[in-house]
Amino acid sequence: MTETKETKTQKVETKKIAIILIRGLIGITVDIKDTLYLLRMRKKHTCVVVENTPSNMGMIKKIKDYVTYGEINDVVLKELISKRGKPNHKAEGKTKPFFELAPPRGGFERKGIKKTFQQGGVLGYRGNKINDLLKRMI
């Protein structure tokens, strides 16, 4: 007699991560520049929304000194797509996978663009506070 094990398929909800390029590309190493190009980040204040996967997190850790990132919520994502999404001419009805943003109203944090968020600057992981920065940049 064979037993069958029932496996429950649980839908694991992966959060999306918004990445914003803060610093320019002048004077950076080739491997960091290649990683930024793979993520389609070629200009300052460009935002990319990616899935929270181990490969994407590895790329984010590599470029953490040039970007800020965090978990984006659905309301801000819909607003970002509606206001800053550009149509993709190759795929009908879809938008391009990156967004060009304006500099934030009110400026960046007090310590500037060369310090981490935990030190009072802009760079690195900021969790859910990325939504506040995105609202000021849309």
C-alpha atoms as a PDB file:
ATOM      1  CA  MET A   1       0.000   0.000   0.000  1.00  0.00           C
ATOM      2  CA  THR A   2       1.437   3.370  -0.978  1.00  0.00           C
ATOM      3  CA  GLU A   3       0.804   6.506   0.954  1.00  0.00           C
ATOM      4  CA  THR A   4       0.406   9.786  -0.772  1.00  0.00           C
ATOM      5  CA  LYS A   5       1.486  12.862   0.999  1.00  0.00           C
ATOM      6  CA  GLU A   6      -0.568  15.905   0.366  1.00  0.00           C
ATOM      7  CA  THR A   7       1.523  18.964   0.001  1.00  0.00           C
ATOM      8  CA  LYS A   8      -0.189  22.202   0.640  1.00  0.00           C
ATOM      9  CA  THR A   9       0.780  24.783  -1.870  1.00  0.00           C
ATOM     10  CA  GLN A  10       1.186  27.978   0.016  1.00  0.00           C
ATOM     11  CA  LYS A  11       1.437  31.138  -1.940  1.00  0.00           C
ATOM     12  CA  VAL A  12       4.455  32.882  -0.544  1.00  0.00           C
ATOM     13  CA  GLU A  13       4.095  36.567  -1.151  1.00  0.00           C
ATOM     14  CA  THR A  14       7.410  38.130  -2.048  1.00  0.00           C
ATOM     15  CA  LYS A  15       7.660  41.814  -1.406  1.00  0.00           C
ATOM     16  CA  LYS A  16       8.870  44.092  -4.110  1.00  0.00           C
ATOM     17  CA  ILE A  17      11.930  46.200  -3.497  1.00  0.00           C
ATOM     18  CA  ALA A  18      12.374  49.697  -4.897  1.00  0.00           C
ATOM     19  CA  ILE A  19      15.947  50.714  -5.693  1.00  0.00           C
ATOM     20  CA  ILE A  20      16.852  54.356  -6.372  1.00  0.00           C
ATOM     21  CA  LEU A  21      20.222  55.392  -7.792  1.00  0.00           C
ATOM     22  CA  ILE A  22      21.464  58.329  -5.711  1.00  0.00           C
ATOM     23  CA  ARG A  23      25.039  58.902  -6.844  1.00  0.00           C
ATOM     24  CA  GLY A  24      26.370  59.295 -10.377  1.00  0.00           C
ATOM     25  CA  LEU A  25      28.353  56.767 -12.418  1.00  0.00           C
ATOM     26  CA  ILE A  26      31.581  58.743 -12.799  1.00  0.00           C
ATOM     27  CA  GLY A  27      34.628  57.062 -11.272  1.00  0.00           C
ATOM     28  CA  ILE A  28      33.041  53.766 -10.210  1.00  0.00           C
ATOM     29  CA  THR A  29      34.520  50.335 -10.863  1.00  0.00           C
ATOM     30  CA  VAL A  30      33.529  48.304 -13.897  1.00  0.00           C
ATOM     31  CA  ASP A  31      31.808  45.476 -12.004  1.00  0.00           C
ATOM     32  CA  ILE A  32      29.577  47.901 -10.079  1.00  0.00           C
ATOM     33  CA  LYS A  33      28.784  49.769 -13.293  1.00  0.00           C
ATOM     34  CA  ASP A  34      27.870  46.493 -15.016  1.00  0.00           C
ATOM     35  CA  THR A  35      25.537  45.588 -12.146  1.00  0.00           C
ATOM     36  CA  LEU A  36      23.834  48.977 -12.403  1.00  0.00           C
ATOM     37  CA  TYR A  37      23.415  48.506 -16.148  1.00  0.00           C
ATOM     38  CA  LEU A  38      21.869  45.054 -15.600  1.00  0.00           C
ATOM     39  CA  LEU A  39      19.302  46.719 -13.342  1.00  0.00           C
ATOM     40  CA  ARG A  40      18.694  49.410 -16.025  1.00  0.00           C
ATOM     41  CA  MET A  41      19.987  52.191 -13.785  1.00  0.00           C
ATOM     42  CA  ARG A  42      21.933  54.523 -16.036  1.00  0.00           C
ATOM     43  CA  LYS A  43      21.082  57.983 -14.640  1.00  0.00           C
ATOM     44  CA  LYS A  44      20.833  59.562 -11.218  1.00  0.00           C
ATOM     45  CA  HIS A  45      17.385  59.429  -9.601  1.00  0.00           C
ATOM     46  CA  THR A  46      16.347  56.343 -11.574  1.00  0.00           C
ATOM     47  CA  CYS A  47      14.076  53.892  -9.740  1.00  0.00           C
ATOM     48  CA  VAL A  48      13.733  50.177 -10.436  1.00  0.00           C
ATOM     49  CA  VAL A  49      11.248  47.826  -8.753  1.00  0.00           C
ATOM     50  CA  VAL A  50      12.463  44.208  -8.436  1.00  0.00           C
ATOM     51  CA  GLU A  51      11.332  41.050  -6.668  1.00  0.00           C
ATOM     52  CA  ASN A  52      12.922  40.098  -3.353  1.00  0.00           C
ATOM     53  CA  THR A  53      14.998  37.142  -4.552  1.00  0.00           C
ATOM     54  CA  PRO A  54      18.485  36.037  -3.446  1.00  0.00           C
ATOM     55  CA  SER A  55      20.034  36.973  -6.802  1.00  0.00           C
ATOM     56  CA  ASN A  56      18.539  40.458  -6.711  1.00  0.00           C
ATOM     57  CA  MET A  57      19.640  40.911  -3.099  1.00  0.00           C
ATOM     58  CA  GLY A  58      23.192  39.959  -4.115  1.00  0.00           C
ATOM     59  CA  MET A  59      23.172  42.659  -6.778  1.00  0.00           C
ATOM     60  CA  ILE A  60      21.777  45.197  -4.302  1.00  0.00           C
ATOM     61  CA  LYS A  61      24.504  44.398  -1.760  1.00  0.00           C
ATOM     62  CA  LYS A  62      27.100  44.965  -4.458  1.00  0.00           C
ATOM     63  CA  ILE A  63      25.795  48.461  -5.309  1.00  0.00           C
ATOM     64  CA  LYS A  64      24.688  49.504  -1.806  1.00  0.00           C
ATOM     65  CA  ASP A  65      27.154  52.425  -1.707  1.00  0.00           C
ATOM     66  CA  TYR A  66      25.434  54.115  -4.662  1.00  0.00           C
ATOM     67  CA  VAL A  67      21.734  53.365  -4.102  1.00  0.00           C
ATOM     68  CA  THR A  68      19.017  53.434  -1.492  1.00  0.00           C
ATOM     69  CA  TYR A  69      16.458  50.647  -1.305  1.00  0.00           C
ATOM     70  CA  GLY A  70      13.529  49.286   0.681  1.00  0.00           C
ATOM     71  CA  GLU A  71      10.168  47.537   0.505  1.00  0.00           C
ATOM     72  CA  ILE A  72       7.621  49.417  -1.576  1.00  0.00           C
ATOM     73  CA  ASN A  73       3.910  49.208  -0.767  1.00  0.00           C
ATOM     74  CA  ASP A  74       1.151  48.745  -3.347  1.00  0.00           C
ATOM     75  CA  VAL A  75      -0.271  52.283  -3.093  1.00  0.00           C
ATOM     76  CA  VAL A  76       3.044  53.964  -3.876  1.00  0.00           C
ATOM     77  CA  LEU A  77       3.773  51.429  -6.645  1.00  0.00           C
ATOM     78  CA  LYS A  78       0.468  52.201  -8.394  1.00  0.00           C
ATOM     79  CA  GLU A  79       1.112  55.929  -8.068  1.00  0.00           C
ATOM     80  CA  LEU A  80       4.630  55.478  -9.441  1.00  0.00           C
ATOM     81  CA  ILE A  81       3.377  53.536 -12.455  1.00  0.00           C
ATOM     82  CA  SER A  82       0.542  55.972 -13.182  1.00  0.00           C
ATOM     83  CA  LYS A  83       2.620  59.171 -12.886  1.00  0.00           C
ATOM     84  CA  ARG A  84       6.112  58.138 -13.993  1.00  0.00           C
ATOM     85  CA  GLY A  85       5.565  54.978 -16.063  1.00  0.00           C
ATOM     86  CA  LYS A  86       6.530  55.225 -19.720  1.00  0.00           C
ATOM     87  CA  PRO A  87       4.860  52.932 -22.252  1.00  0.00           C
ATOM     88  CA  ASN A  88       6.961  50.133 -23.673  1.00  0.00           C
ATOM     89  CA  HIS A  89       6.680  50.176 -27.452  1.00  0.00           C
ATOM     90  CA  LYS A  90       7.878  46.585 -27.795  1.00  0.00           C
ATOM     91  CA  ALA A  91       5.183  45.145 -25.500  1.00  0.00           C
ATOM     92  CA  GLU A  92       1.727  46.606 -25.900  1.00  0.00           C
ATOM     93  CA  GLY A  93      -0.016  47.651 -22.700  1.00  0.00           C
ATOM     94  CA  LYS A  94       3.076  47.411 -20.486  1.00  0.00           C
ATOM     95  CA  THR A  95       5.373  50.024 -19.017  1.00  0.00           C
ATOM     96  CA  LYS A  96       9.150  50.153 -19.072  1.00  0.00           C
ATOM     97  CA  PRO A  97      10.786  48.470 -16.056  1.00  0.00           C
ATOM     98  CA  PHE A  98      12.408  51.670 -14.736  1.00  0.00           C
ATOM     99  CA  PHE A  99      11.209  55.100 -13.687  1.00  0.00           C
ATOM    100  CA  GLU A 100      12.960  58.450 -14.011  1.00  0.00           C
ATOM    101  CA  LEU A 101      12.280  60.534 -10.910  1.00  0.00           C
ATOM    102  CA  ALA A 102      12.840  64.143  -9.913  1.00  0.00           C
ATOM    103  CA  PRO A 103      15.097  65.125  -7.013  1.00  0.00           C
ATOM    104  CA  PRO A 104      13.152  64.939  -3.735  1.00  0.00           C
ATOM    105  CA  ARG A 105      11.146  67.953  -2.628  1.00  0.00           C
ATOM    106  CA  GLY A 106      12.739  69.226   0.552  1.00  0.00           C
ATOM    107  CA  GLY A 107      16.089  67.653  -0.324  1.00  0.00           C
ATOM    108  CA  PHE A 108      17.777  64.536   0.934  1.00  0.00           C
ATOM    109  CA  GLU A 109      18.495  63.759   4.555  1.00  0.00           C
ATOM    110  CA  ARG A 110      20.692  66.043   6.622  1.00  0.00           C
ATOM    111  CA  LYS A 111      24.055  64.256   6.317  1.00  0.00           C
ATOM    112  CA  GLY A 112      24.008  64.070   2.504  1.00  0.00           C
ATOM    113  CA  ILE A 113      24.485  61.434  -0.167  1.00  0.00           C
ATOM    114  CA  LYS A 114      27.737  59.877   1.066  1.00  0.00           C
ATOM    115  CA  LYS A 115      26.519  58.550   4.430  1.00  0.00           C
ATOM    116  CA  THR A 116      24.282  55.573   5.112  1.00  0.00           C
ATOM    117  CA  PHE A 117      20.674  55.957   6.180  1.00  0.00           C
ATOM    118  CA  GLN A 118      21.499  54.688   9.665  1.00  0.00           C
ATOM    119  CA  GLN A 119      24.119  57.458  10.013  1.00  0.00           C
ATOM    120  CA  GLY A 120      21.629  60.141   8.952  1.00  0.00           C
ATOM    121  CA  GLY A 121      22.406  60.099   5.221  1.00  0.00           C
ATOM    122  CA  VAL A 122      20.659  58.617   2.217  1.00  0.00           C
ATOM    123  CA  LEU A 123      22.443  55.456   1.062  1.00  0.00           C
ATOM    124  CA  GLY A 124      21.653  51.839   1.876  1.00  0.00           C
ATOM    125  CA  TYR A 125      18.643  50.041   3.307  1.00  0.00           C
ATOM    126  CA  ARG A 126      15.784  52.148   4.615  1.00  0.00           C
ATOM    127  CA  GLY A 127      12.908  49.661   4.922  1.00  0.00           C
ATOM    128  CA  ASN A 128       9.403  51.087   4.582  1.00  0.00           C
ATOM    129  CA  LYS A 129      10.689  54.676   4.663  1.00  0.00           C
ATOM    130  CA  ILE A 130      11.491  54.304   0.959  1.00  0.00           C
ATOM    131  CA  ASN A 131       7.801  55.057   0.365  1.00  0.00           C
ATOM    132  CA  ASP A 132       8.158  58.535   1.903  1.00  0.00           C
ATOM    133  CA  LEU A 133      11.174  59.293  -0.312  1.00  0.00           C
ATOM    134  CA  LEU A 134       9.369  58.022  -3.418  1.00  0.00           C
ATOM    135  CA  LYS A 135       6.339  60.228  -2.697  1.00  0.00           C
ATOM    136  CA  ARG A 136       8.632  63.260  -2.528  1.00  0.00           C
ATOM    137  CA  MET A 137      10.344  62.266  -5.790  1.00  0.00           C
ATOM    138  CA  ILE A 138       7.270  61.444  -7.914  1.00  0.00           C
END
